[in-house]
Amino acid sequence: MPAPPIPPASEAQGNPACEIKDRWVKEPRLVFPPSYQQRAIEGWAILRYDVAPWGEIGAVEVVEAQPSSEFGEAAINVIRNARFKPLESGLAGCIDRVIFRIRAQPDHGESEAAAH
């Protein structure tokens, strides 16, 4: 089942300084919420967070998650386990979207999630 439509990026604007190409020293590890993966239900979450100068991510909060808060909880884990490359100064008010989609592979079913 496809996820409800995600709001346009313009509705949840974060700090533009957070939009750094090649920002991850430890890429987000995207894990689909198990109870929804088994039922093939897709979802998404929009998160707000801060980044310390040494790259640690903190103060993570869910701005919105659909179709359930479990997608928000899974997305928090995705972001908390990632790490930015060290910065000269920290960042506040970063916004990211974590999108959970079911994608069938040729020989077996798999899921994928993406952080944007």
PDB file of N, CA and C in Angstrom:
ATOM      1  N   MET A   1       0.843  -1.159   0.000  1.00  0.00           N
ATOM      2  CA  MET A   1       0.000   0.000   0.000  1.00  0.00           C
ATOM      3  C   MET A   1       0.904   1.243   0.000  1.00  0.00           C
ATOM      4  N   PRO A   2       0.713   2.137  -0.935  1.00  0.00           N
ATOM      5  CA  PRO A   2       1.547   3.333  -1.001  1.00  0.00           C
ATOM      6  C   PRO A   2       1.317   4.260   0.189  1.00  0.00           C
ATOM      7  N   ALA A   3       2.337   5.031   0.503  1.00  0.00           N
ATOM      8  CA  ALA A   3       2.247   6.005   1.591  1.00  0.00           C
ATOM      9  C   ALA A   3       1.340   7.155   1.198  1.00  0.00           C
ATOM     10  N   PRO A   4       0.752   7.824   2.194  1.00  0.00           N
ATOM     11  CA  PRO A   4       0.012   9.052   1.889  1.00  0.00           C
ATOM     12  C   PRO A   4       0.971  10.067   1.253  1.00  0.00           C
ATOM     13  N   PRO A   5       0.453  11.019   0.506  1.00  0.00           N
ATOM     14  CA  PRO A   5       1.336  12.010  -0.127  1.00  0.00           C
ATOM     15  C   PRO A   5       2.158  12.769   0.916  1.00  0.00           C
ATOM     16  N   ILE A   6       3.415  12.986   0.597  1.00  0.00           N
ATOM     17  CA  ILE A   6       4.298  13.744   1.483  1.00  0.00           C
ATOM     18  C   ILE A   6       4.167  15.230   1.139  1.00  0.00           C
ATOM     19  N   PRO A   7       4.103  16.089   2.159  1.00  0.00           N
ATOM     20  CA  PRO A   7       3.968  17.520   1.864  1.00  0.00           C
ATOM     21  C   PRO A   7       5.156  18.037   1.050  1.00  0.00           C
ATOM     22  N   PRO A   8       4.943  19.072   0.262  1.00  0.00           N
ATOM     23  CA  PRO A   8       6.049  19.646  -0.519  1.00  0.00           C
ATOM     24  C   PRO A   8       7.173  20.122   0.403  1.00  0.00           C
ATOM     25  N   ALA A   9       8.397  20.081  -0.091  1.00  0.00           N
ATOM     26  CA  ALA A   9       9.560  20.492   0.698  1.00  0.00           C
ATOM     27  C   ALA A   9       9.409  21.918   1.201  1.00  0.00           C
ATOM     28  N   SER A  10       8.727  22.763   0.456  1.00  0.00           N
ATOM     29  CA  SER A  10       8.571  24.166   0.847  1.00  0.00           C
ATOM     30  C   SER A  10       7.770  24.332   2.140  1.00  0.00           C
ATOM     31  N   GLU A  11       6.970  23.330   2.519  1.00  0.00           N
ATOM     32  CA  GLU A  11       6.166  23.427   3.738  1.00  0.00           C
ATOM     33  C   GLU A  11       6.976  23.143   4.997  1.00  0.00           C
ATOM     34  N   ALA A  12       8.099  22.462   4.880  1.00  0.00           N
ATOM     35  CA  ALA A  12       8.930  22.130   6.036  1.00  0.00           C
ATOM     36  C   ALA A  12      10.363  22.532   5.734  1.00  0.00           C
ATOM     37  N   GLN A  13      10.584  23.833   5.648  1.00  0.00           N
ATOM     38  CA  GLN A  13      11.914  24.324   5.311  1.00  0.00           C
ATOM     39  C   GLN A  13      12.793  24.352   6.552  1.00  0.00           C
ATOM     40  N   GLY A  14      13.985  23.822   6.383  1.00  0.00           N
ATOM     41  CA  GLY A  14      14.949  23.845   7.464  1.00  0.00           C
ATOM     42  C   GLY A  14      16.051  24.841   7.170  1.00  0.00           C
ATOM     43  N   ASN A  15      17.096  24.759   7.920  1.00  0.00           N
ATOM     44  CA  ASN A  15      18.254  25.624   7.773  1.00  0.00           C
ATOM     45  C   ASN A  15      18.945  25.306   6.448  1.00  0.00           C
ATOM     46  N   PRO A  16      19.047  26.259   5.516  1.00  0.00           N
ATOM     47  CA  PRO A  16      19.687  25.969   4.220  1.00  0.00           C
ATOM     48  C   PRO A  16      21.158  25.571   4.356  1.00  0.00           C
ATOM     49  N   ALA A  17      21.810  25.948   5.462  1.00  0.00           N
ATOM     50  CA  ALA A  17      23.209  25.568   5.677  1.00  0.00           C
ATOM     51  C   ALA A  17      23.362  24.060   5.844  1.00  0.00           C
ATOM     52  N   CYS A  18      22.275  23.366   6.147  1.00  0.00           N
ATOM     53  CA  CYS A  18      22.317  21.908   6.333  1.00  0.00           C
ATOM     54  C   CYS A  18      22.395  21.150   5.009  1.00  0.00           C
ATOM     55  N   GLU A  19      22.086  21.815   3.918  1.00  0.00           N
ATOM     56  CA  GLU A  19      22.069  21.179   2.598  1.00  0.00           C
ATOM     57  C   GLU A  19      23.487  21.072   2.051  1.00  0.00           C
ATOM     58  N   ILE A  20      24.257  20.174   2.634  1.00  0.00           N
ATOM     59  CA  ILE A  20      25.658  19.978   2.273  1.00  0.00           C
ATOM     60  C   ILE A  20      25.770  18.712   1.432  1.00  0.00           C
ATOM     61  N   LYS A  21      26.394  18.829   0.265  1.00  0.00           N
ATOM     62  CA  LYS A  21      26.657  17.625  -0.538  1.00  0.00           C
ATOM     63  C   LYS A  21      27.764  16.845   0.154  1.00  0.00           C
ATOM     64  N   ASP A  22      27.696  15.548   0.070  1.00  0.00           N
ATOM     65  CA  ASP A  22      28.719  14.686   0.667  1.00  0.00           C
ATOM     66  C   ASP A  22      28.880  15.012   2.159  1.00  0.00           C
ATOM     67  N   ARG A  23      27.760  15.019   2.887  1.00  0.00           N
ATOM     68  CA  ARG A  23      27.776  15.420   4.285  1.00  0.00           C
ATOM     69  C   ARG A  23      28.005  14.297   5.286  1.00  0.00           C
ATOM     70  N   TRP A  24      27.866  13.047   4.845  1.00  0.00           N
ATOM     71  CA  TRP A  24      27.897  11.932   5.797  1.00  0.00           C
ATOM     72  C   TRP A  24      29.285  11.313   5.923  1.00  0.00           C
ATOM     73  N   VAL A  25      29.752  11.173   7.162  1.00  0.00           N
ATOM     74  CA  VAL A  25      30.931  10.359   7.426  1.00  0.00           C
ATOM     75  C   VAL A  25      30.450   8.936   7.751  1.00  0.00           C
ATOM     76  N   LYS A  26      29.256   8.850   8.317  1.00  0.00           N
ATOM     77  CA  LYS A  26      28.577   7.573   8.551  1.00  0.00           C
ATOM     78  C   LYS A  26      27.181   7.713   7.967  1.00  0.00           C
ATOM     79  N   GLU A  27      26.976   7.085   6.820  1.00  0.00           N
ATOM     80  CA  GLU A  27      25.699   7.194   6.097  1.00  0.00           C
ATOM     81  C   GLU A  27      24.541   6.666   6.948  1.00  0.00           C
ATOM     82  N   PRO A  28      23.355   7.235   6.758  1.00  0.00           N
ATOM     83  CA  PRO A  28      22.184   6.696   7.461  1.00  0.00           C
ATOM     84  C   PRO A  28      21.933   5.252   7.037  1.00  0.00           C
ATOM     85  N   ARG A  29      21.666   4.408   8.021  1.00  0.00           N
ATOM     86  CA  ARG A  29      21.314   3.008   7.746  1.00  0.00           C
ATOM     87  C   ARG A  29      19.798   2.929   7.837  1.00  0.00           C
ATOM     88  N   LEU A  30      19.189   2.718   6.703  1.00  0.00           N
ATOM     89  CA  LEU A  30      17.743   2.805   6.597  1.00  0.00           C
ATOM     90  C   LEU A  30      17.085   1.458   6.881  1.00  0.00           C
ATOM     91  N   VAL A  31      16.293   1.411   7.946  1.00  0.00           N
ATOM     92  CA  VAL A  31      15.624   0.180   8.366  1.00  0.00           C
ATOM     93  C   VAL A  31      14.111   0.411   8.372  1.00  0.00           C
ATOM     94  N   PHE A  32      13.403  -0.393   7.586  1.00  0.00           N
ATOM     95  CA  PHE A  32      11.947  -0.314   7.458  1.00  0.00           C
ATOM     96  C   PHE A  32      11.303  -0.805   8.757  1.00  0.00           C
ATOM     97  N   PRO A  33      10.247  -0.146   9.257  1.00  0.00           N
ATOM     98  CA  PRO A  33       9.550  -0.662  10.440  1.00  0.00           C
ATOM     99  C   PRO A  33       9.009  -2.076  10.150  1.00  0.00           C
ATOM    100  N   PRO A  34       9.435  -3.082  10.914  1.00  0.00           N
ATOM    101  CA  PRO A  34       9.102  -4.485  10.591  1.00  0.00           C
ATOM    102  C   PRO A  34       7.615  -4.787  10.437  1.00  0.00           C
ATOM    103  N   SER A  35       6.778  -4.263  11.317  1.00  0.00           N
ATOM    104  CA  SER A  35       5.354  -4.611  11.218  1.00  0.00           C
ATOM    105  C   SER A  35       4.728  -4.067   9.938  1.00  0.00           C
ATOM    106  N   TYR A  36       5.250  -2.970   9.426  1.00  0.00           N
ATOM    107  CA  TYR A  36       4.726  -2.404   8.184  1.00  0.00           C
ATOM    108  C   TYR A  36       5.360  -3.063   6.969  1.00  0.00           C
ATOM    109  N   GLN A  37       6.591  -3.492   7.086  1.00  0.00           N
ATOM    110  CA  GLN A  37       7.251  -4.189   5.980  1.00  0.00           C
ATOM    111  C   GLN A  37       6.518  -5.502   5.690  1.00  0.00           C
ATOM    112  N   GLN A  38       6.159  -6.227   6.740  1.00  0.00           N
ATOM    113  CA  GLN A  38       5.459  -7.503   6.573  1.00  0.00           C
ATOM    114  C   GLN A  38       4.122  -7.325   5.874  1.00  0.00           C
ATOM    115  N   ARG A  39       3.473  -6.182   6.091  1.00  0.00           N
ATOM    116  CA  ARG A  39       2.164  -5.918   5.479  1.00  0.00           C
ATOM    117  C   ARG A  39       2.275  -5.075   4.211  1.00  0.00           C
ATOM    118  N   ALA A  40       3.523  -4.785   3.789  1.00  0.00           N
ATOM    119  CA  ALA A  40       3.795  -4.013   2.564  1.00  0.00           C
ATOM    120  C   ALA A  40       3.122  -2.639   2.592  1.00  0.00           C
ATOM    121  N   ILE A  41       3.224  -1.965   3.733  1.00  0.00           N
ATOM    122  CA  ILE A  41       2.673  -0.623   3.876  1.00  0.00           C
ATOM    123  C   ILE A  41       3.832   0.368   3.879  1.00  0.00           C
ATOM    124  N   GLU A  42       3.773   1.336   2.977  1.00  0.00           N
ATOM    125  CA  GLU A  42       4.821   2.350   2.863  1.00  0.00           C
ATOM    126  C   GLU A  42       4.518   3.544   3.755  1.00  0.00           C
ATOM    127  N   GLY A  43       5.546   4.357   4.024  1.00  0.00           N
ATOM    128  CA  GLY A  43       5.352   5.537   4.845  1.00  0.00           C
ATOM    129  C   GLY A  43       6.509   6.502   4.722  1.00  0.00           C
ATOM    130  N   TRP A  44       6.454   7.564   5.511  1.00  0.00           N
ATOM    131  CA  TRP A  44       7.495   8.579   5.491  1.00  0.00           C
ATOM    132  C   TRP A  44       7.484   9.350   6.798  1.00  0.00           C
ATOM    133  N   ALA A  45       8.576  10.065   7.029  1.00  0.00           N
ATOM    134  CA  ALA A  45       8.668  10.950   8.189  1.00  0.00           C
ATOM    135  C   ALA A  45       9.503  12.165   7.814  1.00  0.00           C
ATOM    136  N   ILE A  46       9.156  13.289   8.400  1.00  0.00           N
ATOM    137  CA  ILE A  46       9.947  14.509   8.269  1.00  0.00           C
ATOM    138  C   ILE A  46      10.518  14.789   9.651  1.00  0.00           C
ATOM    139  N   LEU A  47      11.837  14.956   9.721  1.00  0.00           N
ATOM    140  CA  LEU A  47      12.525  15.157  10.993  1.00  0.00           C
ATOM    141  C   LEU A  47      13.225  16.502  11.032  1.00  0.00           C
ATOM    142  N   ARG A  48      13.330  17.054  12.228  1.00  0.00           N
ATOM    143  CA  ARG A  48      14.144  18.250  12.482  1.00  0.00           C
ATOM    144  C   ARG A  48      15.217  17.833  13.487  1.00  0.00           C
ATOM    145  N   TYR A  49      16.457  18.304  13.279  1.00  0.00           N
ATOM    146  CA  TYR A  49      17.550  17.927  14.180  1.00  0.00           C
ATOM    147  C   TYR A  49      18.670  18.960  14.120  1.00  0.00           C
ATOM    148  N   ASP A  50      19.594  18.847  15.077  1.00  0.00           N
ATOM    149  CA  ASP A  50      20.779  19.692  15.141  1.00  0.00           C
ATOM    150  C   ASP A  50      22.013  18.825  14.937  1.00  0.00           C
ATOM    151  N   VAL A  51      23.114  19.455  14.540  1.00  0.00           N
ATOM    152  CA  VAL A  51      24.375  18.741  14.319  1.00  0.00           C
ATOM    153  C   VAL A  51      25.478  19.455  15.091  1.00  0.00           C
ATOM    154  N   ALA A  52      26.210  18.704  15.922  1.00  0.00           N
ATOM    155  CA  ALA A  52      27.338  19.252  16.676  1.00  0.00           C
ATOM    156  C   ALA A  52      28.532  19.447  15.739  1.00  0.00           C
ATOM    157  N   PRO A  53      29.485  20.308  16.093  1.00  0.00           N
ATOM    158  CA  PRO A  53      30.659  20.525  15.234  1.00  0.00           C
ATOM    159  C   PRO A  53      31.424  19.232  14.916  1.00  0.00           C
ATOM    160  N   TRP A  54      31.398  18.260  15.807  1.00  0.00           N
ATOM    161  CA  TRP A  54      32.101  16.986  15.565  1.00  0.00           C
ATOM    162  C   TRP A  54      31.249  15.993  14.769  1.00  0.00           C
ATOM    163  N   GLY A  55      30.029  16.391  14.353  1.00  0.00           N
ATOM    164  CA  GLY A  55      29.211  15.590  13.462  1.00  0.00           C
ATOM    165  C   GLY A  55      28.098  14.791  14.109  1.00  0.00           C
ATOM    166  N   GLU A  56      28.047  14.775  15.432  1.00  0.00           N
ATOM    167  CA  GLU A  56      26.989  14.026  16.106  1.00  0.00           C
ATOM    168  C   GLU A  56      25.644  14.725  15.924  1.00  0.00           C
ATOM    169  N   ILE A  57      24.602  13.922  15.710  1.00  0.00           N
ATOM    170  CA  ILE A  57      23.255  14.434  15.484  1.00  0.00           C
ATOM    171  C   ILE A  57      22.459  14.317  16.781  1.00  0.00           C
ATOM    172  N   GLY A  58      21.770  15.389  17.137  1.00  0.00           N
ATOM    173  CA  GLY A  58      20.989  15.388  18.371  1.00  0.00           C
ATOM    174  C   GLY A  58      19.736  16.225  18.224  1.00  0.00           C
ATOM    175  N   ALA A  59      18.995  16.321  19.322  1.00  0.00           N
ATOM    176  CA  ALA A  59      17.742  17.076  19.370  1.00  0.00           C
ATOM    177  C   ALA A  59      16.830  16.698  18.209  1.00  0.00           C
ATOM    178  N   VAL A  60      16.722  15.402  17.946  1.00  0.00           N
ATOM    179  CA  VAL A  60      15.910  14.915  16.824  1.00  0.00           C
ATOM    180  C   VAL A  60      14.445  14.908  17.234  1.00  0.00           C
ATOM    181  N   GLU A  61      13.608  15.492  16.375  1.00  0.00           N
ATOM    182  CA  GLU A  61      12.171  15.456  16.630  1.00  0.00           C
ATOM    183  C   GLU A  61      11.418  15.191  15.326  1.00  0.00           C
ATOM    184  N   VAL A  62      10.293  14.528  15.459  1.00  0.00           N
ATOM    185  CA  VAL A  62       9.447  14.233  14.307  1.00  0.00           C
ATOM    186  C   VAL A  62       8.541  15.424  14.060  1.00  0.00           C
ATOM    187  N   VAL A  63       8.621  15.979  12.861  1.00  0.00           N
ATOM    188  CA  VAL A  63       7.734  17.066  12.460  1.00  0.00           C
ATOM    189  C   VAL A  63       6.398  16.481  12.037  1.00  0.00           C
ATOM    190  N   GLU A  64       6.475  15.390  11.256  1.00  0.00           N
ATOM    191  CA  GLU A  64       5.268  14.696  10.797  1.00  0.00           C
ATOM    192  C   GLU A  64       5.664  13.304  10.332  1.00  0.00           C
ATOM    193  N   ALA A  65       4.773  12.339  10.506  1.00  0.00           N
ATOM    194  CA  ALA A  65       4.996  10.970  10.031  1.00  0.00           C
ATOM    195  C   ALA A  65       3.667  10.384   9.595  1.00  0.00           C
ATOM    196  N   GLN A  66       3.690   9.634   8.498  1.00  0.00           N
ATOM    197  CA  GLN A  66       2.482   8.999   7.968  1.00  0.00           C
ATOM    198  C   GLN A  66       2.833   7.621   7.439  1.00  0.00           C
ATOM    199  N   PRO A  67       1.987   6.646   7.495  1.00  0.00           N
ATOM    200  CA  PRO A  67       0.639   6.668   8.044  1.00  0.00           C
ATOM    201  C   PRO A  67       0.597   6.418   9.549  1.00  0.00           C
ATOM    202  N   SER A  68       1.761   6.300  10.195  1.00  0.00           N
ATOM    203  CA  SER A  68       1.784   5.992  11.620  1.00  0.00           C
ATOM    204  C   SER A  68       3.021   6.611  12.268  1.00  0.00           C
ATOM    205  N   SER A  69       2.934   6.834  13.567  1.00  0.00           N
ATOM    206  CA  SER A  69       4.081   7.355  14.308  1.00  0.00           C
ATOM    207  C   SER A  69       5.256   6.382  14.299  1.00  0.00           C
ATOM    208  N   GLU A  70       5.010   5.098  14.008  1.00  0.00           N
ATOM    209  CA  GLU A  70       6.112   4.120  13.933  1.00  0.00           C
ATOM    210  C   GLU A  70       7.114   4.494  12.840  1.00  0.00           C
ATOM    211  N   PHE A  71       6.657   5.140  11.777  1.00  0.00           N
ATOM    212  CA  PHE A  71       7.581   5.596  10.742  1.00  0.00           C
ATOM    213  C   PHE A  71       8.455   6.731  11.276  1.00  0.00           C
ATOM    214  N   GLY A  72       7.894   7.569  12.128  1.00  0.00           N
ATOM    215  CA  GLY A  72       8.682   8.614  12.766  1.00  0.00           C
ATOM    216  C   GLY A  72       9.737   8.031  13.695  1.00  0.00           C
ATOM    217  N   GLU A  73       9.352   7.036  14.484  1.00  0.00           N
ATOM    218  CA  GLU A  73      10.296   6.386  15.402  1.00  0.00           C
ATOM    219  C   GLU A  73      11.428   5.706  14.631  1.00  0.00           C
ATOM    220  N   ALA A  74      11.092   5.025  13.539  1.00  0.00           N
ATOM    221  CA  ALA A  74      12.116   4.361  12.715  1.00  0.00           C
ATOM    222  C   ALA A  74      13.043   5.404  12.088  1.00  0.00           C
ATOM    223  N   ALA A  75      12.467   6.524  11.634  1.00  0.00           N
ATOM    224  CA  ALA A  75      13.271   7.575  11.016  1.00  0.00           C
ATOM    225  C   ALA A  75      14.214   8.220  12.031  1.00  0.00           C
ATOM    226  N   ILE A  76      13.772   8.391  13.281  1.00  0.00           N
ATOM    227  CA  ILE A  76      14.650   8.928  14.329  1.00  0.00           C
ATOM    228  C   ILE A  76      15.878   8.029  14.473  1.00  0.00           C
ATOM    229  N   ASN A  77      15.663   6.725  14.496  1.00  0.00           N
ATOM    230  CA  ASN A  77      16.797   5.795  14.603  1.00  0.00           C
ATOM    231  C   ASN A  77      17.732   5.905  13.408  1.00  0.00           C
ATOM    232  N   VAL A  78      17.177   6.093  12.226  1.00  0.00           N
ATOM    233  CA  VAL A  78      17.988   6.255  11.014  1.00  0.00           C
ATOM    234  C   VAL A  78      18.921   7.457  11.169  1.00  0.00           C
ATOM    235  N   ILE A  79      18.370   8.590  11.569  1.00  0.00           N
ATOM    236  CA  ILE A  79      19.156   9.821  11.677  1.00  0.00           C
ATOM    237  C   ILE A  79      20.117   9.772  12.861  1.00  0.00           C
ATOM    238  N   ARG A  80      19.685   9.271  14.002  1.00  0.00           N
ATOM    239  CA  ARG A  80      20.561   9.223  15.186  1.00  0.00           C
ATOM    240  C   ARG A  80      21.785   8.338  14.972  1.00  0.00           C
ATOM    241  N   ASN A  81      21.657   7.317  14.153  1.00  0.00           N
ATOM    242  CA  ASN A  81      22.780   6.401  13.919  1.00  0.00           C
ATOM    243  C   ASN A  81      23.715   6.880  12.814  1.00  0.00           C
ATOM    244  N   ALA A  82      23.383   7.978  12.183  1.00  0.00           N
ATOM    245  CA  ALA A  82      24.243   8.551  11.143  1.00  0.00           C
ATOM    246  C   ALA A  82      25.156   9.591  11.790  1.00  0.00           C
ATOM    247  N   ARG A  83      26.131  10.052  11.021  1.00  0.00           N
ATOM    248  CA  ARG A  83      27.034  11.090  11.524  1.00  0.00           C
ATOM    249  C   ARG A  83      27.489  11.966  10.367  1.00  0.00           C
ATOM    250  N   PHE A  84      27.381  13.282  10.580  1.00  0.00           N
ATOM    251  CA  PHE A  84      27.887  14.254   9.615  1.00  0.00           C
ATOM    252  C   PHE A  84      29.412  14.275   9.663  1.00  0.00           C
ATOM    253  N   LYS A  85      30.020  14.755   8.600  1.00  0.00           N
ATOM    254  CA  LYS A  85      31.449  15.048   8.639  1.00  0.00           C
ATOM    255  C   LYS A  85      31.635  16.225   9.589  1.00  0.00           C
ATOM    256  N   PRO A  86      32.788  16.281  10.288  1.00  0.00           N
ATOM    257  CA  PRO A  86      33.010  17.403  11.211  1.00  0.00           C
ATOM    258  C   PRO A  86      32.857  18.746  10.491  1.00  0.00           C
ATOM    259  N   LEU A  87      32.311  19.702  11.225  1.00  0.00           N
ATOM    260  CA  LEU A  87      32.039  21.037  10.696  1.00  0.00           C
ATOM    261  C   LEU A  87      32.791  22.074  11.525  1.00  0.00           C
ATOM    262  N   GLU A  88      33.022  23.221  10.948  1.00  0.00           N
ATOM    263  CA  GLU A  88      33.669  24.297  11.694  1.00  0.00           C
ATOM    264  C   GLU A  88      32.797  24.744  12.861  1.00  0.00           C
ATOM    265  N   SER A  89      31.497  24.807  12.629  1.00  0.00           N
ATOM    266  CA  SER A  89      30.540  25.106  13.698  1.00  0.00           C
ATOM    267  C   SER A  89      29.346  24.178  13.517  1.00  0.00           C
ATOM    268  N   GLY A  90      28.562  24.019  14.539  1.00  0.00           N
ATOM    269  CA  GLY A  90      27.406  23.133  14.441  1.00  0.00           C
ATOM    270  C   GLY A  90      26.299  23.718  13.579  1.00  0.00           C
ATOM    271  N   LEU A  91      25.261  22.934  13.410  1.00  0.00           N
ATOM    272  CA  LEU A  91      24.090  23.347  12.634  1.00  0.00           C
ATOM    273  C   LEU A  91      22.844  23.142  13.484  1.00  0.00           C
ATOM    274  N   ALA A  92      21.881  24.001  13.325  1.00  0.00           N
ATOM    275  CA  ALA A  92      20.606  23.858  14.041  1.00  0.00           C
ATOM    276  C   ALA A  92      19.472  23.947  13.034  1.00  0.00           C
ATOM    277  N   GLY A  93      18.405  23.222  13.318  1.00  0.00           N
ATOM    278  CA  GLY A  93      17.205  23.308  12.488  1.00  0.00           C
ATOM    279  C   GLY A  93      17.289  22.607  11.146  1.00  0.00           C
ATOM    280  N   CYS A  94      18.074  21.535  11.086  1.00  0.00           N
ATOM    281  CA  CYS A  94      18.143  20.758   9.839  1.00  0.00           C
ATOM    282  C   CYS A  94      16.841  19.978   9.677  1.00  0.00           C
ATOM    283  N   ILE A  95      16.392  19.850   8.439  1.00  0.00           N
ATOM    284  CA  ILE A  95      15.182  19.078   8.127  1.00  0.00           C
ATOM    285  C   ILE A  95      15.558  18.006   7.120  1.00  0.00           C
ATOM    286  N   ASP A  96      15.144  16.779   7.385  1.00  0.00           N
ATOM    287  CA  ASP A  96      15.321  15.687   6.427  1.00  0.00           C
ATOM    288  C   ASP A  96      14.035  14.896   6.349  1.00  0.00           C
ATOM    289  N   ARG A  97      13.844  14.279   5.198  1.00  0.00           N
ATOM    290  CA  ARG A  97      12.709  13.386   4.969  1.00  0.00           C
ATOM    291  C   ARG A  97      13.256  11.973   4.853  1.00  0.00           C
ATOM    292  N   VAL A  98      12.614  11.051   5.515  1.00  0.00           N
ATOM    293  CA  VAL A  98      12.956   9.631   5.388  1.00  0.00           C
ATOM    294  C   VAL A  98      11.737   8.962   4.781  1.00  0.00           C
ATOM    295  N   ILE A  99      11.947   8.357   3.617  1.00  0.00           N
ATOM    296  CA  ILE A  99      10.838   7.762   2.861  1.00  0.00           C
ATOM    297  C   ILE A  99      11.041   6.252   2.818  1.00  0.00           C
ATOM    298  N   PHE A 100      10.025   5.527   3.236  1.00  0.00           N
ATOM    299  CA  PHE A 100      10.059   4.063   3.273  1.00  0.00           C
ATOM    300  C   PHE A 100       9.177   3.532   2.150  1.00  0.00           C
ATOM    301  N   ARG A 101       9.798   2.847   1.179  1.00  0.00           N
ATOM    302  CA  ARG A 101       9.062   2.285   0.045  1.00  0.00           C
ATOM    303  C   ARG A 101       9.345   0.789  -0.058  1.00  0.00           C
ATOM    304  N   ILE A 102       8.350   0.058  -0.495  1.00  0.00           N
ATOM    305  CA  ILE A 102       8.501  -1.366  -0.777  1.00  0.00           C
ATOM    306  C   ILE A 102       8.883  -1.478  -2.244  1.00  0.00           C
ATOM    307  N   ARG A 103       9.951  -2.177  -2.498  1.00  0.00           N
ATOM    308  CA  ARG A 103      10.390  -2.375  -3.888  1.00  0.00           C
ATOM    309  C   ARG A 103      10.669  -3.860  -4.069  1.00  0.00           C
ATOM    310  N   ALA A 104       9.991  -4.481  -5.019  1.00  0.00           N
ATOM    311  CA  ALA A 104      10.204  -5.901  -5.292  1.00  0.00           C
ATOM    312  C   ALA A 104      11.485  -6.074  -6.098  1.00  0.00           C
ATOM    313  N   GLN A 105      12.311  -7.009  -5.666  1.00  0.00           N
ATOM    314  CA  GLN A 105      13.526  -7.366  -6.388  1.00  0.00           C
ATOM    315  C   GLN A 105      13.187  -8.550  -7.296  1.00  0.00           C
ATOM    316  N   PRO A 106      13.968  -8.813  -8.337  1.00  0.00           N
ATOM    317  CA  PRO A 106      13.638  -9.869  -9.286  1.00  0.00           C
ATOM    318  C   PRO A 106      13.406 -11.248  -8.661  1.00  0.00           C
ATOM    319  N   ASP A 107      14.252 -11.642  -7.700  1.00  0.00           N
ATOM    320  CA  ASP A 107      14.123 -12.992  -7.153  1.00  0.00           C
ATOM    321  C   ASP A 107      13.524 -13.042  -5.755  1.00  0.00           C
ATOM    322  N   HIS A 108      13.403 -11.894  -5.095  1.00  0.00           N
ATOM    323  CA  HIS A 108      12.861 -11.891  -3.754  1.00  0.00           C
ATOM    324  C   HIS A 108      12.353 -10.490  -3.403  1.00  0.00           C
ATOM    325  N   GLY A 109      11.453 -10.411  -2.431  1.00  0.00           N
ATOM    326  CA  GLY A 109      10.908  -9.124  -2.039  1.00  0.00           C
ATOM    327  C   GLY A 109      11.858  -8.418  -1.081  1.00  0.00           C
ATOM    328  N   GLU A 110      12.067  -7.148  -1.283  1.00  0.00           N
ATOM    329  CA  GLU A 110      12.924  -6.364  -0.410  1.00  0.00           C
ATOM    330  C   GLU A 110      12.272  -5.018  -0.206  1.00  0.00           C
ATOM    331  N   SER A 111      12.716  -4.346   0.813  1.00  0.00           N
ATOM    332  CA  SER A 111      12.237  -2.984   1.037  1.00  0.00           C
ATOM    333  C   SER A 111      13.399  -2.032   0.919  1.00  0.00           C
ATOM    334  N   GLU A 112      13.065  -0.787   0.736  1.00  0.00           N
ATOM    335  CA  GLU A 112      14.100   0.233   0.677  1.00  0.00           C
ATOM    336  C   GLU A 112      13.593   1.453   1.403  1.00  0.00           C
ATOM    337  N   ALA A 113      14.493   2.189   1.944  1.00  0.00           N
ATOM    338  CA  ALA A 113      14.145   3.455   2.563  1.00  0.00           C
ATOM    339  C   ALA A 113      15.160   4.469   2.068  1.00  0.00           C
ATOM    340  N   ALA A 114      14.765   5.718   2.035  1.00  0.00           N
ATOM    341  CA  ALA A 114      15.670   6.746   1.525  1.00  0.00           C
ATOM    342  C   ALA A 114      15.580   7.986   2.397  1.00  0.00           C
ATOM    343  N   ALA A 115      16.737   8.575   2.672  1.00  0.00           N
ATOM    344  CA  ALA A 115      16.785   9.850   3.399  1.00  0.00           C
ATOM    345  C   ALA A 115      17.050  10.939   2.388  1.00  0.00           C
ATOM    346  N   HIS A 116      16.243  11.992   2.423  1.00  0.00           N
ATOM    347  CA  HIS A 116      16.400  13.125   1.487  1.00  0.00           C
ATOM    348  C   HIS A 116      16.542  14.387   2.268  1.00  0.00           C
TER     349      HIS A 116
END
